[in-house]
Amino acid sequence: RDTVSTTRYEMTTSDAVTGLQVQAGVRYKGVPVGKVVRIGFDPQIAGNVLIRIAVGEDTPVTQATYAQLGYQGVTGLAHIQLDDDSKSSQPLKPGPSGLPRLTMKS
């Protein structure tokens, strides 16, 4: 059992998420910080994929944080890579579902 306190976030994309699975890792600047908890379709944007992640509460996620798919080795296993552009240190506000929504870049 995980006993780490986490915060949940979501992101939406029109791109394919081939190779991404529930329980896949989430990394912030290469450091493991969490995992993917749900992959489905976005009820608010037809045709988009909605991904929910859980990351450690001490992860510095702000309005400047964005997500990208990363791939590991030749296996093609995907993970979520978080990074930021250092333009804002403001915390994310909850989105329509109640969870803060991160920007997902291609």
PDB file of N, CA and C in Angstrom:
ATOM      1  N   ARG A   1       0.828  -1.194   0.000  1.00  0.00           N
ATOM      2  CA  ARG A   1       0.000   0.000   0.000  1.00  0.00           C
ATOM      3  C   ARG A   1       0.865   1.248   0.000  1.00  0.00           C
ATOM      4  N   ASP A   2       0.389   2.238  -0.746  1.00  0.00           N
ATOM      5  CA  ASP A   2       1.069   3.530  -0.720  1.00  0.00           C
ATOM      6  C   ASP A   2       0.596   4.321   0.494  1.00  0.00           C
ATOM      7  N   THR A   3       1.529   4.882   1.235  1.00  0.00           N
ATOM      8  CA  THR A   3       1.168   5.722   2.367  1.00  0.00           C
ATOM      9  C   THR A   3       1.610   7.154   2.140  1.00  0.00           C
ATOM     10  N   VAL A   4       2.043   7.473   0.914  1.00  0.00           N
ATOM     11  CA  VAL A   4       2.490   8.805   0.562  1.00  0.00           C
ATOM     12  C   VAL A   4       1.275   9.689   0.289  1.00  0.00           C
ATOM     13  N   SER A   5       1.266  10.897   0.816  1.00  0.00           N
ATOM     14  CA  SER A   5       0.184  11.841   0.536  1.00  0.00           C
ATOM     15  C   SER A   5       0.375  12.394  -0.867  1.00  0.00           C
ATOM     16  N   THR A   6      -0.698  12.351  -1.659  1.00  0.00           N
ATOM     17  CA  THR A   6      -0.610  12.810  -3.036  1.00  0.00           C
ATOM     18  C   THR A   6      -1.659  13.869  -3.336  1.00  0.00           C
ATOM     19  N   THR A   7      -1.423  14.588  -4.413  1.00  0.00           N
ATOM     20  CA  THR A   7      -2.375  15.543  -4.958  1.00  0.00           C
ATOM     21  C   THR A   7      -2.712  15.060  -6.359  1.00  0.00           C
ATOM     22  N   ARG A   8      -3.986  15.135  -6.731  1.00  0.00           N
ATOM     23  CA  ARG A   8      -4.412  14.688  -8.058  1.00  0.00           C
ATOM     24  C   ARG A   8      -4.553  15.863  -9.003  1.00  0.00           C
ATOM     25  N   TYR A   9      -4.139  15.605 -10.238  1.00  0.00           N
ATOM     26  CA  TYR A   9      -4.252  16.579 -11.321  1.00  0.00           C
ATOM     27  C   TYR A   9      -4.807  15.859 -12.533  1.00  0.00           C
ATOM     28  N   GLU A  10      -5.294  16.637 -13.498  1.00  0.00           N
ATOM     29  CA  GLU A  10      -5.738  16.043 -14.744  1.00  0.00           C
ATOM     30  C   GLU A  10      -5.212  16.861 -15.903  1.00  0.00           C
ATOM     31  N   MET A  11      -5.162  16.208 -17.063  1.00  0.00           N
ATOM     32  CA  MET A  11      -4.756  16.884 -18.291  1.00  0.00           C
ATOM     33  C   MET A  11      -5.559  16.282 -19.423  1.00  0.00           C
ATOM     34  N   THR A  12      -5.710  17.036 -20.494  1.00  0.00           N
ATOM     35  CA  THR A  12      -6.469  16.564 -21.641  1.00  0.00           C
ATOM     36  C   THR A  12      -5.653  16.813 -22.900  1.00  0.00           C
ATOM     37  N   THR A  13      -5.790  15.911 -23.867  1.00  0.00           N
ATOM     38  CA  THR A  13      -5.033  16.046 -25.109  1.00  0.00           C
ATOM     39  C   THR A  13      -5.822  15.466 -26.266  1.00  0.00           C
ATOM     40  N   SER A  14      -5.608  16.035 -27.434  1.00  0.00           N
ATOM     41  CA  SER A  14      -6.210  15.485 -28.651  1.00  0.00           C
ATOM     42  C   SER A  14      -5.246  14.501 -29.315  1.00  0.00           C
ATOM     43  N   ASP A  15      -4.011  14.422 -28.804  1.00  0.00           N
ATOM     44  CA  ASP A  15      -3.007  13.501 -29.343  1.00  0.00           C
ATOM     45  C   ASP A  15      -3.227  12.082 -28.817  1.00  0.00           C
ATOM     46  N   ALA A  16      -2.719  11.105 -29.540  1.00  0.00           N
ATOM     47  CA  ALA A  16      -2.766   9.710 -29.094  1.00  0.00           C
ATOM     48  C   ALA A  16      -1.832   9.531 -27.897  1.00  0.00           C
ATOM     49  N   VAL A  17      -2.208   8.656 -26.993  1.00  0.00           N
ATOM     50  CA  VAL A  17      -1.383   8.368 -25.813  1.00  0.00           C
ATOM     51  C   VAL A  17      -0.910   6.910 -25.835  1.00  0.00           C
ATOM     52  N   THR A  18      -0.515   6.469 -27.021  1.00  0.00           N
ATOM     53  CA  THR A  18      -0.053   5.100 -27.222  1.00  0.00           C
ATOM     54  C   THR A  18       1.080   4.764 -26.260  1.00  0.00           C
ATOM     55  N   GLY A  19       0.967   3.627 -25.599  1.00  0.00           N
ATOM     56  CA  GLY A  19       1.999   3.171 -24.673  1.00  0.00           C
ATOM     57  C   GLY A  19       1.796   3.618 -23.242  1.00  0.00           C
ATOM     58  N   LEU A  20       0.858   4.559 -23.003  1.00  0.00           N
ATOM     59  CA  LEU A  20       0.607   5.032 -21.641  1.00  0.00           C
ATOM     60  C   LEU A  20      -0.420   4.127 -20.981  1.00  0.00           C
ATOM     61  N   GLN A  21      -0.135   3.713 -19.763  1.00  0.00           N
ATOM     62  CA  GLN A  21      -1.030   2.824 -19.036  1.00  0.00           C
ATOM     63  C   GLN A  21      -1.245   3.346 -17.625  1.00  0.00           C
ATOM     64  N   VAL A  22      -2.364   2.912 -17.021  1.00  0.00           N
ATOM     65  CA  VAL A  22      -2.589   3.207 -15.610  1.00  0.00           C
ATOM     66  C   VAL A  22      -1.423   2.609 -14.830  1.00  0.00           C
ATOM     67  N   GLN A  23      -0.966   3.296 -13.834  1.00  0.00           N
ATOM     68  CA  GLN A  23       0.194   2.951 -13.002  1.00  0.00           C
ATOM     69  C   GLN A  23       1.524   3.370 -13.639  1.00  0.00           C
ATOM     70  N   ALA A  24       1.486   3.950 -14.838  1.00  0.00           N
ATOM     71  CA  ALA A  24       2.719   4.455 -15.448  1.00  0.00           C
ATOM     72  C   ALA A  24       3.276   5.571 -14.571  1.00  0.00           C
ATOM     73  N   GLY A  25       4.559   5.757 -14.628  1.00  0.00           N
ATOM     74  CA  GLY A  25       5.222   6.753 -13.797  1.00  0.00           C
ATOM     75  C   GLY A  25       4.959   8.181 -14.232  1.00  0.00           C
ATOM     76  N   VAL A  26       5.063   9.081 -13.267  1.00  0.00           N
ATOM     77  CA  VAL A  26       5.030  10.522 -13.513  1.00  0.00           C
ATOM     78  C   VAL A  26       6.343  11.056 -12.967  1.00  0.00           C
ATOM     79  N   ARG A  27       7.029  11.845 -13.781  1.00  0.00           N
ATOM     80  CA  ARG A  27       8.322  12.407 -13.383  1.00  0.00           C
ATOM     81  C   ARG A  27       8.289  13.924 -13.515  1.00  0.00           C
ATOM     82  N   TYR A  28       8.914  14.588 -12.560  1.00  0.00           N
ATOM     83  CA  TYR A  28       9.051  16.039 -12.611  1.00  0.00           C
ATOM     84  C   TYR A  28      10.530  16.336 -12.823  1.00  0.00           C
ATOM     85  N   LYS A  29      10.861  16.861 -13.993  1.00  0.00           N
ATOM     86  CA  LYS A  29      12.253  17.114 -14.372  1.00  0.00           C
ATOM     87  C   LYS A  29      13.115  15.866 -14.197  1.00  0.00           C
ATOM     88  N   GLY A  30      12.531  14.705 -14.497  1.00  0.00           N
ATOM     89  CA  GLY A  30      13.252  13.448 -14.434  1.00  0.00           C
ATOM     90  C   GLY A  30      13.179  12.715 -13.112  1.00  0.00           C
ATOM     91  N   VAL A  31      12.659  13.364 -12.076  1.00  0.00           N
ATOM     92  CA  VAL A  31      12.568  12.764 -10.751  1.00  0.00           C
ATOM     93  C   VAL A  31      11.202  12.074 -10.602  1.00  0.00           C
ATOM     94  N   PRO A  32      11.170  10.798 -10.211  1.00  0.00           N
ATOM     95  CA  PRO A  32       9.881  10.118 -10.025  1.00  0.00           C
ATOM     96  C   PRO A  32       9.072  10.781  -8.905  1.00  0.00           C
ATOM     97  N   VAL A  33       7.825  11.199  -9.220  1.00  0.00           N
ATOM     98  CA  VAL A  33       6.997  11.892  -8.231  1.00  0.00           C
ATOM     99  C   VAL A  33       5.596  11.308  -8.083  1.00  0.00           C
ATOM    100  N   GLY A  34       5.195  10.390  -8.972  1.00  0.00           N
ATOM    101  CA  GLY A  34       3.836   9.873  -8.871  1.00  0.00           C
ATOM    102  C   GLY A  34       3.517   8.859  -9.941  1.00  0.00           C
ATOM    103  N   LYS A  35       2.202   8.698 -10.205  1.00  0.00           N
ATOM    104  CA  LYS A  35       1.757   7.714 -11.184  1.00  0.00           C
ATOM    105  C   LYS A  35       0.453   8.140 -11.843  1.00  0.00           C
ATOM    106  N   VAL A  36       0.159   7.514 -12.973  1.00  0.00           N
ATOM    107  CA  VAL A  36      -1.092   7.724 -13.688  1.00  0.00           C
ATOM    108  C   VAL A  36      -2.162   6.904 -12.973  1.00  0.00           C
ATOM    109  N   VAL A  37      -3.313   7.525 -12.678  1.00  0.00           N
ATOM    110  CA  VAL A  37      -4.365   6.795 -11.969  1.00  0.00           C
ATOM    111  C   VAL A  37      -5.596   6.518 -12.838  1.00  0.00           C
ATOM    112  N   ARG A  38      -5.751   7.245 -13.955  1.00  0.00           N
ATOM    113  CA  ARG A  38      -6.912   7.008 -14.816  1.00  0.00           C
ATOM    114  C   ARG A  38      -6.627   7.538 -16.209  1.00  0.00           C
ATOM    115  N   ILE A  39      -7.084   6.792 -17.218  1.00  0.00           N
ATOM    116  CA  ILE A  39      -7.029   7.231 -18.612  1.00  0.00           C
ATOM    117  C   ILE A  39      -8.404   6.970 -19.196  1.00  0.00           C
ATOM    118  N   GLY A  40      -9.001   7.983 -19.793  1.00  0.00           N
ATOM    119  CA  GLY A  40     -10.334   7.835 -20.384  1.00  0.00           C
ATOM    120  C   GLY A  40     -10.580   8.949 -21.376  1.00  0.00           C
ATOM    121  N   PHE A  41     -11.837   9.150 -21.713  1.00  0.00           N
ATOM    122  CA  PHE A  41     -12.184  10.223 -22.633  1.00  0.00           C
ATOM    123  C   PHE A  41     -12.704  11.425 -21.859  1.00  0.00           C
ATOM    124  N   ASP A  42     -12.399  12.607 -22.354  1.00  0.00           N
ATOM    125  CA  ASP A  42     -12.782  13.856 -21.717  1.00  0.00           C
ATOM    126  C   ASP A  42     -14.249  14.159 -22.023  1.00  0.00           C
ATOM    127  N   PRO A  43     -15.122  14.190 -21.024  1.00  0.00           N
ATOM    128  CA  PRO A  43     -16.531  14.469 -21.273  1.00  0.00           C
ATOM    129  C   PRO A  43     -16.790  15.921 -21.690  1.00  0.00           C
ATOM    130  N   GLN A  44     -15.824  16.809 -21.440  1.00  0.00           N
ATOM    131  CA  GLN A  44     -15.997  18.219 -21.760  1.00  0.00           C
ATOM    132  C   GLN A  44     -15.515  18.580 -23.158  1.00  0.00           C
ATOM    133  N   ILE A  45     -14.583  17.793 -23.714  1.00  0.00           N
ATOM    134  CA  ILE A  45     -14.039  18.070 -25.043  1.00  0.00           C
ATOM    135  C   ILE A  45     -14.101  16.778 -25.843  1.00  0.00           C
ATOM    136  N   ALA A  46     -15.067  16.681 -26.733  1.00  0.00           N
ATOM    137  CA  ALA A  46     -15.292  15.450 -27.498  1.00  0.00           C
ATOM    138  C   ALA A  46     -14.033  15.027 -28.249  1.00  0.00           C
ATOM    139  N   GLY A  47     -13.676  13.751 -28.134  1.00  0.00           N
ATOM    140  CA  GLY A  47     -12.526  13.196 -28.840  1.00  0.00           C
ATOM    141  C   GLY A  47     -11.206  13.340 -28.127  1.00  0.00           C
ATOM    142  N   ASN A  48     -11.163  14.103 -27.043  1.00  0.00           N
ATOM    143  CA  ASN A  48      -9.917  14.253 -26.291  1.00  0.00           C
ATOM    144  C   ASN A  48      -9.762  13.145 -25.260  1.00  0.00           C
ATOM    145  N   VAL A  49      -8.515  12.827 -24.946  1.00  0.00           N
ATOM    146  CA  VAL A  49      -8.196  11.855 -23.909  1.00  0.00           C
ATOM    147  C   VAL A  49      -7.962  12.618 -22.607  1.00  0.00           C
ATOM    148  N   LEU A  50      -8.544  12.122 -21.517  1.00  0.00           N
ATOM    149  CA  LEU A  50      -8.384  12.714 -20.198  1.00  0.00           C
ATOM    150  C   LEU A  50      -7.497  11.791 -19.372  1.00  0.00           C
ATOM    151  N   ILE A  51      -6.439  12.349 -18.807  1.00  0.00           N
ATOM    152  CA  ILE A  51      -5.490  11.591 -17.997  1.00  0.00           C
ATOM    153  C   ILE A  51      -5.485  12.198 -16.605  1.00  0.00           C
ATOM    154  N   ARG A  52      -5.617  11.350 -15.597  1.00  0.00           N
ATOM    155  CA  ARG A  52      -5.525  11.815 -14.211  1.00  0.00           C
ATOM    156  C   ARG A  52      -4.281  11.210 -13.586  1.00  0.00           C
ATOM    157  N   ILE A  53      -3.567  12.048 -12.837  1.00  0.00           N
ATOM    158  CA  ILE A  53      -2.330  11.614 -12.201  1.00  0.00           C
ATOM    159  C   ILE A  53      -2.371  11.947 -10.711  1.00  0.00           C
ATOM    160  N   ALA A  54      -1.584  11.223  -9.936  1.00  0.00           N
ATOM    161  CA  ALA A  54      -1.402  11.504  -8.514  1.00  0.00           C
ATOM    162  C   ALA A  54       0.087  11.730  -8.304  1.00  0.00           C
ATOM    163  N   VAL A  55       0.436  12.883  -7.742  1.00  0.00           N
ATOM    164  CA  VAL A  55       1.847  13.190  -7.488  1.00  0.00           C
ATOM    165  C   VAL A  55       2.025  13.549  -6.017  1.00  0.00           C
ATOM    166  N   GLY A  56       3.225  13.378  -5.530  1.00  0.00           N
ATOM    167  CA  GLY A  56       3.533  13.715  -4.142  1.00  0.00           C
ATOM    168  C   GLY A  56       3.193  15.161  -3.835  1.00  0.00           C
ATOM    169  N   GLU A  57       2.689  15.398  -2.629  1.00  0.00           N
ATOM    170  CA  GLU A  57       2.281  16.751  -2.245  1.00  0.00           C
ATOM    171  C   GLU A  57       3.421  17.761  -2.277  1.00  0.00           C
ATOM    172  N   ASP A  58       4.657  17.288  -2.149  1.00  0.00           N
ATOM    173  CA  ASP A  58       5.797  18.202  -2.137  1.00  0.00           C
ATOM    174  C   ASP A  58       6.300  18.549  -3.543  1.00  0.00           C
ATOM    175  N   THR A  59       5.646  18.039  -4.575  1.00  0.00           N
ATOM    176  CA  THR A  59       6.037  18.345  -5.958  1.00  0.00           C
ATOM    177  C   THR A  59       5.630  19.776  -6.279  1.00  0.00           C
ATOM    178  N   PRO A  60       6.553  20.613  -6.765  1.00  0.00           N
ATOM    179  CA  PRO A  60       6.265  22.037  -6.992  1.00  0.00           C
ATOM    180  C   PRO A  60       5.472  22.308  -8.279  1.00  0.00           C
ATOM    181  N   VAL A  61       4.208  21.876  -8.306  1.00  0.00           N
ATOM    182  CA  VAL A  61       3.347  22.106  -9.477  1.00  0.00           C
ATOM    183  C   VAL A  61       2.725  23.489  -9.364  1.00  0.00           C
ATOM    184  N   THR A  62       2.893  24.306 -10.415  1.00  0.00           N
ATOM    185  CA  THR A  62       2.352  25.669 -10.450  1.00  0.00           C
ATOM    186  C   THR A  62       1.653  25.893 -11.789  1.00  0.00           C
ATOM    187  N   GLN A  63       1.192  27.117 -12.018  1.00  0.00           N
ATOM    188  CA  GLN A  63       0.565  27.465 -13.293  1.00  0.00           C
ATOM    189  C   GLN A  63       1.552  27.353 -14.453  1.00  0.00           C
ATOM    190  N   ALA A  64       2.848  27.381 -14.168  1.00  0.00           N
ATOM    191  CA  ALA A  64       3.868  27.279 -15.213  1.00  0.00           C
ATOM    192  C   ALA A  64       4.199  25.827 -15.562  1.00  0.00           C
ATOM    193  N   THR A  65       3.652  24.870 -14.821  1.00  0.00           N
ATOM    194  CA  THR A  65       3.955  23.452 -15.049  1.00  0.00           C
ATOM    195  C   THR A  65       3.148  22.926 -16.234  1.00  0.00           C
ATOM    196  N   TYR A  66       3.800  22.138 -17.074  1.00  0.00           N
ATOM    197  CA  TYR A  66       3.126  21.497 -18.199  1.00  0.00           C
ATOM    198  C   TYR A  66       3.552  20.036 -18.269  1.00  0.00           C
ATOM    199  N   ALA A  67       2.794  19.243 -19.014  1.00  0.00           N
ATOM    200  CA  ALA A  67       3.052  17.810 -19.121  1.00  0.00           C
ATOM    201  C   ALA A  67       3.330  17.430 -20.564  1.00  0.00           C
ATOM    202  N   GLN A  68       4.124  16.389 -20.738  1.00  0.00           N
ATOM    203  CA  GLN A  68       4.406  15.797 -22.040  1.00  0.00           C
ATOM    204  C   GLN A  68       4.515  14.290 -21.851  1.00  0.00           C
ATOM    205  N   LEU A  69       4.267  13.554 -22.936  1.00  0.00           N
ATOM    206  CA  LEU A  69       4.513  12.117 -22.882  1.00  0.00           C
ATOM    207  C   LEU A  69       5.993  11.877 -23.089  1.00  0.00           C
ATOM    208  N   GLY A  70       6.558  11.022 -22.274  1.00  0.00           N
ATOM    209  CA  GLY A  70       7.941  10.608 -22.446  1.00  0.00           C
ATOM    210  C   GLY A  70       7.958   9.122 -22.724  1.00  0.00           C
ATOM    211  N   TYR A  71       8.947   8.657 -23.443  1.00  0.00           N
ATOM    212  CA  TYR A  71       9.052   7.235 -23.767  1.00  0.00           C
ATOM    213  C   TYR A  71      10.355   6.684 -23.249  1.00  0.00           C
ATOM    214  N   GLN A  72      10.302   5.449 -22.767  1.00  0.00           N
ATOM    215  CA  GLN A  72      11.453   4.824 -22.149  1.00  0.00           C
ATOM    216  C   GLN A  72      12.032   3.741 -23.044  1.00  0.00           C
ATOM    217  N   GLY A  73      13.260   3.912 -23.436  1.00  0.00           N
ATOM    218  CA  GLY A  73      13.987   2.885 -24.181  1.00  0.00           C
ATOM    219  C   GLY A  73      13.299   2.413 -25.445  1.00  0.00           C
ATOM    220  N   VAL A  74      13.630   1.200 -25.854  1.00  0.00           N
ATOM    221  CA  VAL A  74      13.093   0.638 -27.087  1.00  0.00           C
ATOM    222  C   VAL A  74      11.749  -0.049 -26.873  1.00  0.00           C
ATOM    223  N   THR A  75      11.317  -0.170 -25.613  1.00  0.00           N
ATOM    224  CA  THR A  75      10.061  -0.855 -25.318  1.00  0.00           C
ATOM    225  C   THR A  75       8.849  -0.016 -25.687  1.00  0.00           C
ATOM    226  N   GLY A  76       9.007   1.287 -25.752  1.00  0.00           N
ATOM    227  CA  GLY A  76       7.895   2.159 -26.084  1.00  0.00           C
ATOM    228  C   GLY A  76       6.971   2.436 -24.922  1.00  0.00           C
ATOM    229  N   LEU A  77       7.357   2.019 -23.704  1.00  0.00           N
ATOM    230  CA  LEU A  77       6.530   2.324 -22.542  1.00  0.00           C
ATOM    231  C   LEU A  77       6.543   3.821 -22.295  1.00  0.00           C
ATOM    232  N   ALA A  78       5.365   4.376 -22.072  1.00  0.00           N
ATOM    233  CA  ALA A  78       5.243   5.818 -21.905  1.00  0.00           C
ATOM    234  C   ALA A  78       5.102   6.193 -20.434  1.00  0.00           C
ATOM    235  N   HIS A  79       5.480   7.413 -20.128  1.00  0.00           N
ATOM    236  CA  HIS A  79       5.273   7.990 -18.813  1.00  0.00           C
ATOM    237  C   HIS A  79       4.922   9.465 -19.006  1.00  0.00           C
ATOM    238  N   ILE A  80       4.490  10.096 -17.967  1.00  0.00           N
ATOM    239  CA  ILE A  80       4.180  11.528 -18.011  1.00  0.00           C
ATOM    240  C   ILE A  80       5.394  12.282 -17.482  1.00  0.00           C
ATOM    241  N   GLN A  81       5.865  13.226 -18.266  1.00  0.00           N
ATOM    242  CA  GLN A  81       6.998  14.060 -17.880  1.00  0.00           C
ATOM    243  C   GLN A  81       6.478  15.466 -17.576  1.00  0.00           C
ATOM    244  N   LEU A  82       6.658  15.934 -16.340  1.00  0.00           N
ATOM    245  CA  LEU A  82       6.269  17.290 -15.953  1.00  0.00           C
ATOM    246  C   LEU A  82       7.486  18.192 -15.991  1.00  0.00           C
ATOM    247  N   ASP A  83       7.278  19.416 -16.403  1.00  0.00           N
ATOM    248  CA  ASP A  83       8.338  20.424 -16.446  1.00  0.00           C
ATOM    249  C   ASP A  83       7.672  21.779 -16.286  1.00  0.00           C
ATOM    250  N   ASP A  84       8.450  22.842 -16.213  1.00  0.00           N
ATOM    251  CA  ASP A  84       7.850  24.176 -16.144  1.00  0.00           C
ATOM    252  C   ASP A  84       8.709  25.170 -16.884  1.00  0.00           C
ATOM    253  N   ASP A  85       8.083  26.298 -17.213  1.00  0.00           N
ATOM    254  CA  ASP A  85       8.813  27.340 -17.931  1.00  0.00           C
ATOM    255  C   ASP A  85       9.241  28.467 -16.991  1.00  0.00           C
ATOM    256  N   SER A  86       9.044  28.279 -15.697  1.00  0.00           N
ATOM    257  CA  SER A  86       9.485  29.218 -14.649  1.00  0.00           C
ATOM    258  C   SER A  86       8.884  30.605 -14.777  1.00  0.00           C
ATOM    259  N   LYS A  87       7.760  30.746 -15.462  1.00  0.00           N
ATOM    260  CA  LYS A  87       7.148  32.062 -15.629  1.00  0.00           C
ATOM    261  C   LYS A  87       6.175  32.420 -14.519  1.00  0.00           C
ATOM    262  N   SER A  88       5.677  31.428 -13.779  1.00  0.00           N
ATOM    263  CA  SER A  88       4.695  31.697 -12.734  1.00  0.00           C
ATOM    264  C   SER A  88       4.912  30.747 -11.565  1.00  0.00           C
ATOM    265  N   SER A  89       4.759  31.279 -10.360  1.00  0.00           N
ATOM    266  CA  SER A  89       4.856  30.428  -9.183  1.00  0.00           C
ATOM    267  C   SER A  89       3.499  30.304  -8.498  1.00  0.00           C
ATOM    268  N   GLN A  90       2.434  30.742  -9.186  1.00  0.00           N
ATOM    269  CA  GLN A  90       1.084  30.667  -8.632  1.00  0.00           C
ATOM    270  C   GLN A  90       0.574  29.232  -8.659  1.00  0.00           C
ATOM    271  N   PRO A  91      -0.124  28.791  -7.614  1.00  0.00           N
ATOM    272  CA  PRO A  91      -0.677  27.428  -7.622  1.00  0.00           C
ATOM    273  C   PRO A  91      -1.808  27.302  -8.654  1.00  0.00           C
ATOM    274  N   LEU A  92      -2.040  26.076  -9.105  1.00  0.00           N
ATOM    275  CA  LEU A  92      -3.122  25.823 -10.058  1.00  0.00           C
ATOM    276  C   LEU A  92      -4.466  25.916  -9.365  1.00  0.00           C
ATOM    277  N   LYS A  93      -5.459  26.423 -10.092  1.00  0.00           N
ATOM    278  CA  LYS A  93      -6.811  26.488  -9.569  1.00  0.00           C
ATOM    279  C   LYS A  93      -7.596  25.272 -10.045  1.00  0.00           C
ATOM    280  N   PRO A  94      -8.572  24.808  -9.267  1.00  0.00           N
ATOM    281  CA  PRO A  94      -9.380  23.662  -9.696  1.00  0.00           C
ATOM    282  C   PRO A  94     -10.117  23.958 -11.003  1.00  0.00           C
ATOM    283  N   GLY A  95     -10.208  22.926 -11.856  1.00  0.00           N
ATOM    284  CA  GLY A  95     -10.919  23.040 -13.125  1.00  0.00           C
ATOM    285  C   GLY A  95     -12.372  22.640 -12.965  1.00  0.00           C
ATOM    286  N   PRO A  96     -13.066  22.409 -14.077  1.00  0.00           N
ATOM    287  CA  PRO A  96     -14.491  22.074 -14.046  1.00  0.00           C
ATOM    288  C   PRO A  96     -14.812  20.794 -13.261  1.00  0.00           C
ATOM    289  N   SER A  97     -13.884  19.857 -13.214  1.00  0.00           N
ATOM    290  CA  SER A  97     -14.128  18.593 -12.500  1.00  0.00           C
ATOM    291  C   SER A  97     -13.786  18.707 -11.020  1.00  0.00           C
ATOM    292  N   GLY A  98     -13.198  19.821 -10.619  1.00  0.00           N
ATOM    293  CA  GLY A  98     -12.754  19.990  -9.241  1.00  0.00           C
ATOM    294  C   GLY A  98     -11.275  19.739  -9.063  1.00  0.00           C
ATOM    295  N   LEU A  99     -10.632  19.114 -10.074  1.00  0.00           N
ATOM    296  CA  LEU A  99      -9.186  18.872 -10.032  1.00  0.00           C
ATOM    297  C   LEU A  99      -8.470  19.946 -10.835  1.00  0.00           C
ATOM    298  N   PRO A 100      -7.296  20.375 -10.389  1.00  0.00           N
ATOM    299  CA  PRO A 100      -6.509  21.313 -11.198  1.00  0.00           C
ATOM    300  C   PRO A 100      -6.128  20.649 -12.521  1.00  0.00           C
ATOM    301  N   ARG A 101      -6.166  21.428 -13.605  1.00  0.00           N
ATOM    302  CA  ARG A 101      -5.880  20.886 -14.930  1.00  0.00           C
ATOM    303  C   ARG A 101      -4.558  21.452 -15.454  1.00  0.00           C
ATOM    304  N   LEU A 102      -3.637  20.553 -15.772  1.00  0.00           N
ATOM    305  CA  LEU A 102      -2.336  20.918 -16.344  1.00  0.00           C
ATOM    306  C   LEU A 102      -2.433  21.037 -17.857  1.00  0.00           C
ATOM    307  N   THR A 103      -1.585  21.868 -18.419  1.00  0.00           N
ATOM    308  CA  THR A 103      -1.464  21.957 -19.877  1.00  0.00           C
ATOM    309  C   THR A 103      -0.661  20.757 -20.364  1.00  0.00           C
ATOM    310  N   MET A 104      -1.110  20.153 -21.457  1.00  0.00           N
ATOM    311  CA  MET A 104      -0.375  19.024 -22.042  1.00  0.00           C
ATOM    312  C   MET A 104       0.165  19.463 -23.394  1.00  0.00           C
ATOM    313  N   LYS A 105       1.474  19.380 -23.576  1.00  0.00           N
ATOM    314  CA  LYS A 105       2.098  19.736 -24.853  1.00  0.00           C
ATOM    315  C   LYS A 105       2.412  18.484 -25.651  1.00  0.00           C
ATOM    316  N   SER A 106       2.447  18.635 -26.971  1.00  0.00           N
ATOM    317  CA  SER A 106       2.772  17.508 -27.856  1.00  0.00           C
ATOM    318  C   SER A 106       4.236  17.155 -27.757  1.00  0.00           C
TER     319      SER A 106
END
